[in-house]
Amino acid sequence: MRNVTKKEIVDRIAEQTGARHVLAKQIVQSFLDEVIAELARGNRLEFRDFGVFETRTRAARIAQNPKTLERVNVPEKKTVRFKAGRLMKKKVQKRKT
């Protein structure tokens, strides 16, 4: 498995659409910015067949430092959850077999 960078995705989109590289980069960055902004507002993003992004609140809890065994209060925090859509699950499963 290898890492794929945003630059590689931008290059592919520019090549597939015939758009200039600068325009493809602006579009990809605008899309990512909008996803972040909507999640920050607490909204749920649903992309059919791709998946769903949503924020969840993790409850406050008491944890333990494994080195010192000291109890530590961990405050509640928001996290982003992604649930893969039907088409994504199907393609990922095909890739494994």
C-alpha atoms as a PDB file:
ATOM      1  CA  MET A   1       0.000   0.000   0.000  1.00  0.00           C
ATOM      2  CA  ARG A   2       1.282   3.470  -0.835  1.00  0.00           C
ATOM      3  CA  ASN A   3       0.341   6.998   0.140  1.00  0.00           C
ATOM      4  CA  VAL A   4      -1.455   9.085  -2.449  1.00  0.00           C
ATOM      5  CA  THR A   5      -1.038  12.841  -2.061  1.00  0.00           C
ATOM      6  CA  LYS A   6      -3.417  15.656  -2.863  1.00  0.00           C
ATOM      7  CA  LYS A   7      -1.034  16.689  -5.644  1.00  0.00           C
ATOM      8  CA  GLU A   8      -1.405  13.284  -7.313  1.00  0.00           C
ATOM      9  CA  ILE A   9      -5.194  13.525  -7.125  1.00  0.00           C
ATOM     10  CA  VAL A  10      -5.077  17.049  -8.583  1.00  0.00           C
ATOM     11  CA  ASP A  11      -2.798  15.841 -11.407  1.00  0.00           C
ATOM     12  CA  ARG A  12      -5.204  12.999 -12.255  1.00  0.00           C
ATOM     13  CA  ILE A  13      -8.247  15.274 -12.232  1.00  0.00           C
ATOM     14  CA  ALA A  14      -6.498  17.854 -14.428  1.00  0.00           C
ATOM     15  CA  GLU A  15      -5.520  15.126 -16.892  1.00  0.00           C
ATOM     16  CA  GLN A  16      -8.964  13.482 -16.966  1.00  0.00           C
ATOM     17  CA  THR A  17     -10.877  16.742 -17.393  1.00  0.00           C
ATOM     18  CA  GLY A  18      -8.435  18.636 -19.545  1.00  0.00           C
ATOM     19  CA  ALA A  19      -8.524  21.483 -17.012  1.00  0.00           C
ATOM     20  CA  ARG A  20      -5.462  23.489 -16.152  1.00  0.00           C
ATOM     21  CA  HIS A  21      -3.543  22.188 -13.167  1.00  0.00           C
ATOM     22  CA  VAL A  22      -4.093  25.436 -11.234  1.00  0.00           C
ATOM     23  CA  LEU A  23      -7.875  25.237 -11.717  1.00  0.00           C
ATOM     24  CA  ALA A  24      -8.023  21.573 -10.678  1.00  0.00           C
ATOM     25  CA  LYS A  25      -6.006  22.393  -7.545  1.00  0.00           C
ATOM     26  CA  GLN A  26      -8.363  25.270  -6.645  1.00  0.00           C
ATOM     27  CA  ILE A  27     -11.412  23.051  -7.097  1.00  0.00           C
ATOM     28  CA  VAL A  28     -10.011  20.215  -4.990  1.00  0.00           C
ATOM     29  CA  GLN A  29      -8.928  22.629  -2.237  1.00  0.00           C
ATOM     30  CA  SER A  30     -12.313  24.403  -2.285  1.00  0.00           C
ATOM     31  CA  PHE A  31     -14.077  21.062  -1.932  1.00  0.00           C
ATOM     32  CA  LEU A  32     -11.901  20.052   1.027  1.00  0.00           C
ATOM     33  CA  ASP A  33     -12.382  23.466   2.654  1.00  0.00           C
ATOM     34  CA  GLU A  34     -16.165  23.151   2.322  1.00  0.00           C
ATOM     35  CA  VAL A  35     -16.146  19.657   3.852  1.00  0.00           C
ATOM     36  CA  ILE A  36     -14.163  20.982   6.829  1.00  0.00           C
ATOM     37  CA  ALA A  37     -16.417  24.037   7.195  1.00  0.00           C
ATOM     38  CA  GLU A  38     -19.613  21.973   7.176  1.00  0.00           C
ATOM     39  CA  LEU A  39     -18.238  19.506   9.722  1.00  0.00           C
ATOM     40  CA  ALA A  40     -17.156  22.431  11.919  1.00  0.00           C
ATOM     41  CA  ARG A  41     -20.773  23.680  11.802  1.00  0.00           C
ATOM     42  CA  GLY A  42     -21.906  20.264  13.032  1.00  0.00           C
ATOM     43  CA  ASN A  43     -23.484  19.267   9.719  1.00  0.00           C
ATOM     44  CA  ARG A  44     -23.555  15.759   8.274  1.00  0.00           C
ATOM     45  CA  LEU A  45     -22.198  15.292   4.743  1.00  0.00           C
ATOM     46  CA  GLU A  46     -23.637  12.493   2.664  1.00  0.00           C
ATOM     47  CA  PHE A  47     -22.166  11.504  -0.687  1.00  0.00           C
ATOM     48  CA  ARG A  48     -24.238   8.719  -2.233  1.00  0.00           C
ATOM     49  CA  ASP A  49     -22.262   5.504  -2.819  1.00  0.00           C
ATOM     50  CA  PHE A  50     -19.122   7.160  -1.397  1.00  0.00           C
ATOM     51  CA  GLY A  51     -19.955   7.595   2.261  1.00  0.00           C
ATOM     52  CA  VAL A  52     -21.047   9.817   5.120  1.00  0.00           C
ATOM     53  CA  PHE A  53     -18.984  12.214   7.235  1.00  0.00           C
ATOM     54  CA  GLU A  54     -20.403  13.329  10.561  1.00  0.00           C
ATOM     55  CA  THR A  55     -19.200  14.680  13.871  1.00  0.00           C
ATOM     56  CA  ARG A  56     -19.657  12.797  17.101  1.00  0.00           C
ATOM     57  CA  THR A  57     -19.071  13.930  20.649  1.00  0.00           C
ATOM     58  CA  ARG A  58     -16.881  11.684  22.758  1.00  0.00           C
ATOM     59  CA  ALA A  59     -17.947  11.724  26.386  1.00  0.00           C
ATOM     60  CA  ALA A  60     -15.596  12.961  29.076  1.00  0.00           C
ATOM     61  CA  ARG A  61     -13.820  10.121  30.872  1.00  0.00           C
ATOM     62  CA  ILE A  62     -11.119   9.241  33.312  1.00  0.00           C
ATOM     63  CA  ALA A  63      -8.061   7.605  31.763  1.00  0.00           C
ATOM     64  CA  GLN A  64      -4.864   6.266  33.238  1.00  0.00           C
ATOM     65  CA  ASN A  65      -1.296   7.157  32.337  1.00  0.00           C
ATOM     66  CA  PRO A  66       0.266   3.732  31.674  1.00  0.00           C
ATOM     67  CA  LYS A  67       3.716   4.873  32.757  1.00  0.00           C
ATOM     68  CA  THR A  68       2.842   6.487  36.093  1.00  0.00           C
ATOM     69  CA  LEU A  69      -0.587   4.858  36.657  1.00  0.00           C
ATOM     70  CA  GLU A  70      -1.866   8.351  37.499  1.00  0.00           C
ATOM     71  CA  ARG A  71      -5.554   8.983  36.778  1.00  0.00           C
ATOM     72  CA  VAL A  72      -6.162  11.743  34.231  1.00  0.00           C
ATOM     73  CA  ASN A  73      -9.393  13.541  33.357  1.00  0.00           C
ATOM     74  CA  VAL A  74      -9.995  13.562  29.613  1.00  0.00           C
ATOM     75  CA  PRO A  75     -12.554  16.214  28.593  1.00  0.00           C
ATOM     76  CA  GLU A  76     -15.291  15.566  26.047  1.00  0.00           C
ATOM     77  CA  LYS A  77     -14.292  16.259  22.486  1.00  0.00           C
ATOM     78  CA  LYS A  78     -15.697  16.185  18.981  1.00  0.00           C
ATOM     79  CA  THR A  79     -14.409  13.692  16.456  1.00  0.00           C
ATOM     80  CA  VAL A  80     -15.150  13.076  12.790  1.00  0.00           C
ATOM     81  CA  ARG A  81     -16.641   9.743  11.820  1.00  0.00           C
ATOM     82  CA  PHE A  82     -16.680   8.363   8.285  1.00  0.00           C
ATOM     83  CA  LYS A  83     -18.893   5.512   7.209  1.00  0.00           C
ATOM     84  CA  ALA A  84     -18.149   4.074   3.781  1.00  0.00           C
ATOM     85  CA  GLY A  85     -20.957   3.913   1.252  1.00  0.00           C
ATOM     86  CA  ARG A  86     -22.178   0.885  -0.666  1.00  0.00           C
ATOM     87  CA  LEU A  87     -20.091   1.391  -3.811  1.00  0.00           C
ATOM     88  CA  MET A  88     -16.910   2.133  -1.856  1.00  0.00           C
ATOM     89  CA  LYS A  89     -17.356  -0.986   0.294  1.00  0.00           C
ATOM     90  CA  LYS A  90     -17.920  -3.078  -2.808  1.00  0.00           C
ATOM     91  CA  LYS A  91     -14.809  -1.790  -4.617  1.00  0.00           C
ATOM     92  CA  VAL A  92     -12.581  -2.104  -1.539  1.00  0.00           C
ATOM     93  CA  GLN A  93     -13.728  -5.700  -1.007  1.00  0.00           C
ATOM     94  CA  LYS A  94     -12.995  -6.574  -4.650  1.00  0.00           C
ATOM     95  CA  ARG A  95      -9.507  -5.125  -4.232  1.00  0.00           C
ATOM     96  CA  LYS A  96      -8.759  -7.410  -1.248  1.00  0.00           C
ATOM     97  CA  THR A  97      -9.666 -10.628  -3.048  1.00  0.00           C
END
